[in-house]
Amino acid sequence: MKVQVQIRLKKGVADPEGDNTLKALNLLGFKGLSAVHSAKLFEIELGEENRETVKEQVEEMCRRLLANPVIQDYRIELIP
């Protein structure tokens, strides 16, 4: 089974990469942008097919390595 994990900064946490991208886009002439937010995307392939087992394993991966729970939120999407 394939899993996508999106990691984003929590609301209120400074996002310098997003801010710099917004400034650069404005300098390139793109107008009307109000915000840009950066995110990481991990695609993970597991040999396991049980959805609950996969979800539990990926949750543990996020808690232990992929995300910093103090400043980041994550979203897990199972792709059959």
PDB file of N, CA and C in Angstrom:
ATOM      1  N   MET A   1       0.846  -1.178   0.000  1.00  0.00           N
ATOM      2  CA  MET A   1       0.000   0.000   0.000  1.00  0.00           C
ATOM      3  C   MET A   1       0.891   1.241   0.000  1.00  0.00           C
ATOM      4  N   LYS A   2       0.441   2.262  -0.692  1.00  0.00           N
ATOM      5  CA  LYS A   2       1.173   3.526  -0.742  1.00  0.00           C
ATOM      6  C   LYS A   2       0.473   4.527   0.180  1.00  0.00           C
ATOM      7  N   VAL A   3       1.284   5.350   0.831  1.00  0.00           N
ATOM      8  CA  VAL A   3       0.767   6.352   1.766  1.00  0.00           C
ATOM      9  C   VAL A   3       1.431   7.689   1.446  1.00  0.00           C
ATOM     10  N   GLN A   4       0.648   8.747   1.474  1.00  0.00           N
ATOM     11  CA  GLN A   4       1.196  10.099   1.366  1.00  0.00           C
ATOM     12  C   GLN A   4       1.022  10.787   2.716  1.00  0.00           C
ATOM     13  N   VAL A   5       2.107  11.408   3.175  1.00  0.00           N
ATOM     14  CA  VAL A   5       2.088  12.153   4.434  1.00  0.00           C
ATOM     15  C   VAL A   5       2.471  13.591   4.125  1.00  0.00           C
ATOM     16  N   GLN A   6       1.566  14.512   4.421  1.00  0.00           N
ATOM     17  CA  GLN A   6       1.841  15.934   4.219  1.00  0.00           C
ATOM     18  C   GLN A   6       2.118  16.564   5.584  1.00  0.00           C
ATOM     19  N   ILE A   7       3.269  17.238   5.681  1.00  0.00           N
ATOM     20  CA  ILE A   7       3.683  17.889   6.919  1.00  0.00           C
ATOM     21  C   ILE A   7       3.622  19.402   6.684  1.00  0.00           C
ATOM     22  N   ARG A   8       2.895  20.110   7.551  1.00  0.00           N
ATOM     23  CA  ARG A   8       2.780  21.571   7.443  1.00  0.00           C
ATOM     24  C   ARG A   8       3.020  22.197   8.806  1.00  0.00           C
ATOM     25  N   LEU A   9       3.461  23.436   8.775  1.00  0.00           N
ATOM     26  CA  LEU A   9       3.634  24.170  10.020  1.00  0.00           C
ATOM     27  C   LEU A   9       2.265  24.508  10.615  1.00  0.00           C
ATOM     28  N   LYS A  10       2.179  24.488  11.932  1.00  0.00           N
ATOM     29  CA  LYS A  10       0.938  24.853  12.606  1.00  0.00           C
ATOM     30  C   LYS A  10       0.666  26.338  12.420  1.00  0.00           C
ATOM     31  N   LYS A  11      -0.603  26.713  12.540  1.00  0.00           N
ATOM     32  CA  LYS A  11      -0.967  28.129  12.479  1.00  0.00           C
ATOM     33  C   LYS A  11      -0.220  28.892  13.558  1.00  0.00           C
ATOM     34  N   GLY A  12       0.290  30.055  13.188  1.00  0.00           N
ATOM     35  CA  GLY A  12       1.001  30.887  14.140  1.00  0.00           C
ATOM     36  C   GLY A  12       2.502  30.663  14.159  1.00  0.00           C
ATOM     37  N   VAL A  13       2.978  29.597  13.509  1.00  0.00           N
ATOM     38  CA  VAL A  13       4.418  29.321  13.441  1.00  0.00           C
ATOM     39  C   VAL A  13       4.964  30.015  12.190  1.00  0.00           C
ATOM     40  N   ALA A  14       6.047  30.745  12.356  1.00  0.00           N
ATOM     41  CA  ALA A  14       6.649  31.472  11.237  1.00  0.00           C
ATOM     42  C   ALA A  14       7.048  30.499  10.121  1.00  0.00           C
ATOM     43  N   ASP A  15       6.785  30.917   8.875  1.00  0.00           N
ATOM     44  CA  ASP A  15       7.104  30.108   7.711  1.00  0.00           C
ATOM     45  C   ASP A  15       7.989  30.934   6.772  1.00  0.00           C
ATOM     46  N   PRO A  16       9.292  31.057   7.076  1.00  0.00           N
ATOM     47  CA  PRO A  16      10.163  31.900   6.261  1.00  0.00           C
ATOM     48  C   PRO A  16      10.247  31.438   4.803  1.00  0.00           C
ATOM     49  N   GLU A  17      10.182  30.142   4.557  1.00  0.00           N
ATOM     50  CA  GLU A  17      10.238  29.660   3.174  1.00  0.00           C
ATOM     51  C   GLU A  17       9.001  30.122   2.399  1.00  0.00           C
ATOM     52  N   GLY A  18       7.858  30.008   3.009  1.00  0.00           N
ATOM     53  CA  GLY A  18       6.630  30.475   2.373  1.00  0.00           C
ATOM     54  C   GLY A  18       6.641  31.984   2.165  1.00  0.00           C
ATOM     55  N   ASP A  19       7.106  32.719   3.172  1.00  0.00           N
ATOM     56  CA  ASP A  19       7.176  34.179   3.066  1.00  0.00           C
ATOM     57  C   ASP A  19       8.117  34.615   1.946  1.00  0.00           C
ATOM     58  N   ASN A  20       9.284  33.985   1.858  1.00  0.00           N
ATOM     59  CA  ASN A  20      10.242  34.333   0.802  1.00  0.00           C
ATOM     60  C   ASN A  20       9.704  33.976  -0.579  1.00  0.00           C
ATOM     61  N   THR A  21       8.986  32.875  -0.686  1.00  0.00           N
ATOM     62  CA  THR A  21       8.387  32.496  -1.963  1.00  0.00           C
ATOM     63  C   THR A  21       7.320  33.499  -2.368  1.00  0.00           C
ATOM     64  N   LEU A  22       6.530  33.948  -1.421  1.00  0.00           N
ATOM     65  CA  LEU A  22       5.512  34.970  -1.699  1.00  0.00           C
ATOM     66  C   LEU A  22       6.161  36.247  -2.216  1.00  0.00           C
ATOM     67  N   LYS A  23       7.222  36.695  -1.562  1.00  0.00           N
ATOM     68  CA  LYS A  23       7.933  37.901  -2.009  1.00  0.00           C
ATOM     69  C   LYS A  23       8.476  37.724  -3.421  1.00  0.00           C
ATOM     70  N   ALA A  24       9.083  36.570  -3.695  1.00  0.00           N
ATOM     71  CA  ALA A  24       9.651  36.306  -5.019  1.00  0.00           C
ATOM     72  C   ALA A  24       8.567  36.278  -6.091  1.00  0.00           C
ATOM     73  N   LEU A  25       7.438  35.676  -5.795  1.00  0.00           N
ATOM     74  CA  LEU A  25       6.346  35.638  -6.763  1.00  0.00           C
ATOM     75  C   LEU A  25       5.826  37.046  -7.065  1.00  0.00           C
ATOM     76  N   ASN A  26       5.729  37.871  -6.018  1.00  0.00           N
ATOM     77  CA  ASN A  26       5.307  39.259  -6.226  1.00  0.00           C
ATOM     78  C   ASN A  26       6.310  40.003  -7.097  1.00  0.00           C
ATOM     79  N   LEU A  27       7.608  39.802  -6.855  1.00  0.00           N
ATOM     80  CA  LEU A  27       8.645  40.445  -7.665  1.00  0.00           C
ATOM     81  C   LEU A  27       8.600  39.980  -9.122  1.00  0.00           C
ATOM     82  N   LEU A  28       8.161  38.760  -9.346  1.00  0.00           N
ATOM     83  CA  LEU A  28       8.042  38.236 -10.708  1.00  0.00           C
ATOM     84  C   LEU A  28       6.766  38.706 -11.405  1.00  0.00           C
ATOM     85  N   GLY A  29       5.979  39.498 -10.698  1.00  0.00           N
ATOM     86  CA  GLY A  29       4.789  40.072 -11.316  1.00  0.00           C
ATOM     87  C   GLY A  29       3.485  39.358 -11.014  1.00  0.00           C
ATOM     88  N   PHE A  30       3.521  38.342 -10.191  1.00  0.00           N
ATOM     89  CA  PHE A  30       2.277  37.665  -9.819  1.00  0.00           C
ATOM     90  C   PHE A  30       1.598  38.475  -8.730  1.00  0.00           C
ATOM     91  N   LYS A  31       0.428  39.006  -9.040  1.00  0.00           N
ATOM     92  CA  LYS A  31      -0.277  39.884  -8.104  1.00  0.00           C
ATOM     93  C   LYS A  31      -1.499  39.178  -7.518  1.00  0.00           C
ATOM     94  N   GLY A  32      -1.973  39.710  -6.428  1.00  0.00           N
ATOM     95  CA  GLY A  32      -3.178  39.180  -5.810  1.00  0.00           C
ATOM     96  C   GLY A  32      -2.944  38.008  -4.881  1.00  0.00           C
ATOM     97  N   LEU A  33      -1.696  37.657  -4.645  1.00  0.00           N
ATOM     98  CA  LEU A  33      -1.400  36.562  -3.721  1.00  0.00           C
ATOM     99  C   LEU A  33      -1.473  37.084  -2.294  1.00  0.00           C
ATOM    100  N   SER A  34      -2.127  36.345  -1.430  1.00  0.00           N
ATOM    101  CA  SER A  34      -2.204  36.794  -0.040  1.00  0.00           C
ATOM    102  C   SER A  34      -1.279  35.995   0.879  1.00  0.00           C
ATOM    103  N   ALA A  35      -0.961  34.762   0.504  1.00  0.00           N
ATOM    104  CA  ALA A  35      -0.077  33.953   1.341  1.00  0.00           C
ATOM    105  C   ALA A  35       0.438  32.757   0.557  1.00  0.00           C
ATOM    106  N   VAL A  36       1.617  32.281   0.955  1.00  0.00           N
ATOM    107  CA  VAL A  36       2.184  31.033   0.446  1.00  0.00           C
ATOM    108  C   VAL A  36       2.656  30.253   1.669  1.00  0.00           C
ATOM    109  N   HIS A  37       2.297  28.985   1.725  1.00  0.00           N
ATOM    110  CA  HIS A  37       2.692  28.137   2.848  1.00  0.00           C
ATOM    111  C   HIS A  37       3.514  26.969   2.321  1.00  0.00           C
ATOM    112  N   SER A  38       4.613  26.675   2.973  1.00  0.00           N
ATOM    113  CA  SER A  38       5.439  25.546   2.565  1.00  0.00           C
ATOM    114  C   SER A  38       4.956  24.273   3.264  1.00  0.00           C
ATOM    115  N   ALA A  39       5.245  23.144   2.627  1.00  0.00           N
ATOM    116  CA  ALA A  39       4.878  21.839   3.192  1.00  0.00           C
ATOM    117  C   ALA A  39       5.854  20.797   2.659  1.00  0.00           C
ATOM    118  N   LYS A  40       5.948  19.695   3.382  1.00  0.00           N
ATOM    119  CA  LYS A  40       6.727  18.541   2.919  1.00  0.00           C
ATOM    120  C   LYS A  40       5.739  17.441   2.571  1.00  0.00           C
ATOM    121  N   LEU A  41       6.090  16.653   1.556  1.00  0.00           N
ATOM    122  CA  LEU A  41       5.264  15.518   1.182  1.00  0.00           C
ATOM    123  C   LEU A  41       6.154  14.277   1.128  1.00  0.00           C
ATOM    124  N   PHE A  42       5.779  13.272   1.900  1.00  0.00           N
ATOM    125  CA  PHE A  42       6.475  11.984   1.881  1.00  0.00           C
ATOM    126  C   PHE A  42       5.551  10.959   1.244  1.00  0.00           C
ATOM    127  N   GLU A  43       6.071  10.177   0.299  1.00  0.00           N
ATOM    128  CA  GLU A  43       5.345   9.040  -0.246  1.00  0.00           C
ATOM    129  C   GLU A  43       6.034   7.787   0.265  1.00  0.00           C
ATOM    130  N   ILE A  44       5.282   6.982   0.966  1.00  0.00           N
ATOM    131  CA  ILE A  44       5.827   5.790   1.622  1.00  0.00           C
ATOM    132  C   ILE A  44       5.099   4.570   1.072  1.00  0.00           C
ATOM    133  N   GLU A  45       5.858   3.549   0.708  1.00  0.00           N
ATOM    134  CA  GLU A  45       5.267   2.294   0.251  1.00  0.00           C
ATOM    135  C   GLU A  45       5.521   1.218   1.301  1.00  0.00           C
ATOM    136  N   LEU A  46       4.455   0.562   1.693  1.00  0.00           N
ATOM    137  CA  LEU A  46       4.550  -0.504   2.691  1.00  0.00           C
ATOM    138  C   LEU A  46       4.043  -1.811   2.091  1.00  0.00           C
ATOM    139  N   GLY A  47       4.623  -2.916   2.524  1.00  0.00           N
ATOM    140  CA  GLY A  47       4.189  -4.230   2.071  1.00  0.00           C
ATOM    141  C   GLY A  47       2.884  -4.666   2.713  1.00  0.00           C
ATOM    142  N   GLU A  48       2.500  -4.013   3.777  1.00  0.00           N
ATOM    143  CA  GLU A  48       1.279  -4.334   4.525  1.00  0.00           C
ATOM    144  C   GLU A  48       0.052  -3.862   3.746  1.00  0.00           C
ATOM    145  N   GLU A  49      -1.038  -4.640   3.788  1.00  0.00           N
ATOM    146  CA  GLU A  49      -2.270  -4.264   3.091  1.00  0.00           C
ATOM    147  C   GLU A  49      -3.403  -3.890   4.047  1.00  0.00           C
ATOM    148  N   ASN A  50      -3.272  -4.244   5.326  1.00  0.00           N
ATOM    149  CA  ASN A  50      -4.316  -3.918   6.294  1.00  0.00           C
ATOM    150  C   ASN A  50      -4.296  -2.423   6.582  1.00  0.00           C
ATOM    151  N   ARG A  51      -5.393  -1.732   6.266  1.00  0.00           N
ATOM    152  CA  ARG A  51      -5.449  -0.272   6.375  1.00  0.00           C
ATOM    153  C   ARG A  51      -5.194   0.218   7.801  1.00  0.00           C
ATOM    154  N   GLU A  52      -5.754  -0.464   8.782  1.00  0.00           N
ATOM    155  CA  GLU A  52      -5.570  -0.039  10.175  1.00  0.00           C
ATOM    156  C   GLU A  52      -4.118  -0.194  10.616  1.00  0.00           C
ATOM    157  N   THR A  53      -3.495  -1.305  10.237  1.00  0.00           N
ATOM    158  CA  THR A  53      -2.095  -1.538  10.579  1.00  0.00           C
ATOM    159  C   THR A  53      -1.207  -0.491   9.924  1.00  0.00           C
ATOM    160  N   VAL A  54      -1.469  -0.212   8.642  1.00  0.00           N
ATOM    161  CA  VAL A  54      -0.687   0.803   7.920  1.00  0.00           C
ATOM    162  C   VAL A  54      -0.848   2.155   8.580  1.00  0.00           C
ATOM    163  N   LYS A  55      -2.083   2.528   8.892  1.00  0.00           N
ATOM    164  CA  LYS A  55      -2.338   3.829   9.530  1.00  0.00           C
ATOM    165  C   LYS A  55      -1.590   3.937  10.856  1.00  0.00           C
ATOM    166  N   GLU A  56      -1.626   2.875  11.665  1.00  0.00           N
ATOM    167  CA  GLU A  56      -0.917   2.876  12.947  1.00  0.00           C
ATOM    168  C   GLU A  56       0.587   3.023  12.752  1.00  0.00           C
ATOM    169  N   GLN A  57       1.148   2.294  11.780  1.00  0.00           N
ATOM    170  CA  GLN A  57       2.584   2.371  11.524  1.00  0.00           C
ATOM    171  C   GLN A  57       2.994   3.778  11.077  1.00  0.00           C
ATOM    172  N   VAL A  58       2.225   4.372  10.187  1.00  0.00           N
ATOM    173  CA  VAL A  58       2.572   5.694   9.669  1.00  0.00           C
ATOM    174  C   VAL A  58       2.379   6.763  10.745  1.00  0.00           C
ATOM    175  N   GLU A  59       1.358   6.614  11.579  1.00  0.00           N
ATOM    176  CA  GLU A  59       1.194   7.528  12.715  1.00  0.00           C
ATOM    177  C   GLU A  59       2.437   7.499  13.605  1.00  0.00           C
ATOM    178  N   GLU A  60       2.935   6.304  13.868  1.00  0.00           N
ATOM    179  CA  GLU A  60       4.135   6.154  14.697  1.00  0.00           C
ATOM    180  C   GLU A  60       5.352   6.781  14.006  1.00  0.00           C
ATOM    181  N   MET A  61       5.467   6.602  12.685  1.00  0.00           N
ATOM    182  CA  MET A  61       6.557   7.235  11.927  1.00  0.00           C
ATOM    183  C   MET A  61       6.504   8.756  12.068  1.00  0.00           C
ATOM    184  N   CYS A  62       5.313   9.293  11.990  1.00  0.00           N
ATOM    185  CA  CYS A  62       5.146  10.751  12.115  1.00  0.00           C
ATOM    186  C   CYS A  62       5.526  11.225  13.511  1.00  0.00           C
ATOM    187  N   ARG A  63       5.058  10.524  14.516  1.00  0.00           N
ATOM    188  CA  ARG A  63       5.361  10.919  15.902  1.00  0.00           C
ATOM    189  C   ARG A  63       6.838  10.817  16.221  1.00  0.00           C
ATOM    190  N   ARG A  64       7.509   9.794  15.677  1.00  0.00           N
ATOM    191  CA  ARG A  64       8.902   9.534  16.056  1.00  0.00           C
ATOM    192  C   ARG A  64       9.941  10.214  15.175  1.00  0.00           C
ATOM    193  N   LEU A  65       9.590  10.516  13.899  1.00  0.00           N
ATOM    194  CA  LEU A  65      10.618  11.037  13.000  1.00  0.00           C
ATOM    195  C   LEU A  65      10.137  12.109  12.024  1.00  0.00           C
ATOM    196  N   LEU A  66       9.065  11.848  11.327  1.00  0.00           N
ATOM    197  CA  LEU A  66       8.709  12.695  10.188  1.00  0.00           C
ATOM    198  C   LEU A  66       8.237  14.091  10.567  1.00  0.00           C
ATOM    199  N   ALA A  67       7.544  14.237  11.684  1.00  0.00           N
ATOM    200  CA  ALA A  67       6.980  15.536  12.063  1.00  0.00           C
ATOM    201  C   ALA A  67       7.436  15.928  13.467  1.00  0.00           C
ATOM    202  N   ASN A  68       7.537  17.227  13.675  1.00  0.00           N
ATOM    203  CA  ASN A  68       7.798  17.777  15.002  1.00  0.00           C
ATOM    204  C   ASN A  68       6.446  18.228  15.553  1.00  0.00           C
ATOM    205  N   PRO A  69       5.861  17.475  16.481  1.00  0.00           N
ATOM    206  CA  PRO A  69       4.500  17.775  16.936  1.00  0.00           C
ATOM    207  C   PRO A  69       4.352  19.130  17.629  1.00  0.00           C
ATOM    208  N   VAL A  70       5.446  19.730  18.034  1.00  0.00           N
ATOM    209  CA  VAL A  70       5.375  21.040  18.685  1.00  0.00           C
ATOM    210  C   VAL A  70       5.014  22.126  17.674  1.00  0.00           C
ATOM    211  N   ILE A  71       5.575  22.032  16.452  1.00  0.00           N
ATOM    212  CA  ILE A  71       5.369  23.103  15.471  1.00  0.00           C
ATOM    213  C   ILE A  71       4.729  22.631  14.164  1.00  0.00           C
ATOM    214  N   GLN A  72       4.496  21.328  14.020  1.00  0.00           N
ATOM    215  CA  GLN A  72       3.970  20.831  12.750  1.00  0.00           C
ATOM    216  C   GLN A  72       2.727  19.961  12.950  1.00  0.00           C
ATOM    217  N   ASP A  73       1.844  20.034  11.956  1.00  0.00           N
ATOM    218  CA  ASP A  73       0.707  19.125  11.841  1.00  0.00           C
ATOM    219  C   ASP A  73       0.981  18.206  10.663  1.00  0.00           C
ATOM    220  N   TYR A  74       0.330  17.058  10.640  1.00  0.00           N
ATOM    221  CA  TYR A  74       0.484  16.165   9.499  1.00  0.00           C
ATOM    222  C   TYR A  74      -0.856  15.565   9.121  1.00  0.00           C
ATOM    223  N   ARG A  75      -0.924  15.197   7.839  1.00  0.00           N
ATOM    224  CA  ARG A  75      -2.115  14.549   7.303  1.00  0.00           C
ATOM    225  C   ARG A  75      -1.664  13.297   6.567  1.00  0.00           C
ATOM    226  N   ILE A  76      -2.342  12.186   6.840  1.00  0.00           N
ATOM    227  CA  ILE A  76      -1.998  10.907   6.245  1.00  0.00           C
ATOM    228  C   ILE A  76      -3.105  10.515   5.281  1.00  0.00           C
ATOM    229  N   GLU A  77      -2.691  10.135   4.050  1.00  0.00           N
ATOM    230  CA  GLU A  77      -3.660   9.674   3.055  1.00  0.00           C
ATOM    231  C   GLU A  77      -3.214   8.308   2.556  1.00  0.00           C
ATOM    232  N   LEU A  78      -4.079   7.317   2.741  1.00  0.00           N
ATOM    233  CA  LEU A  78      -3.801   5.960   2.271  1.00  0.00           C
ATOM    234  C   LEU A  78      -4.231   5.864   0.811  1.00  0.00           C
ATOM    235  N   ILE A  79      -3.346   5.315  -0.024  1.00  0.00           N
ATOM    236  CA  ILE A  79      -3.643   5.174  -1.443  1.00  0.00           C
ATOM    237  C   ILE A  79      -3.589   3.682  -1.778  1.00  0.00           C
ATOM    238  N   PRO A  80      -4.739   3.079  -2.044  1.00  0.00           N
ATOM    239  CA  PRO A  80      -4.762   1.630  -2.310  1.00  0.00           C
ATOM    240  C   PRO A  80      -4.011   1.252  -3.573  1.00  0.00           C
TER     241      PRO A  80
END
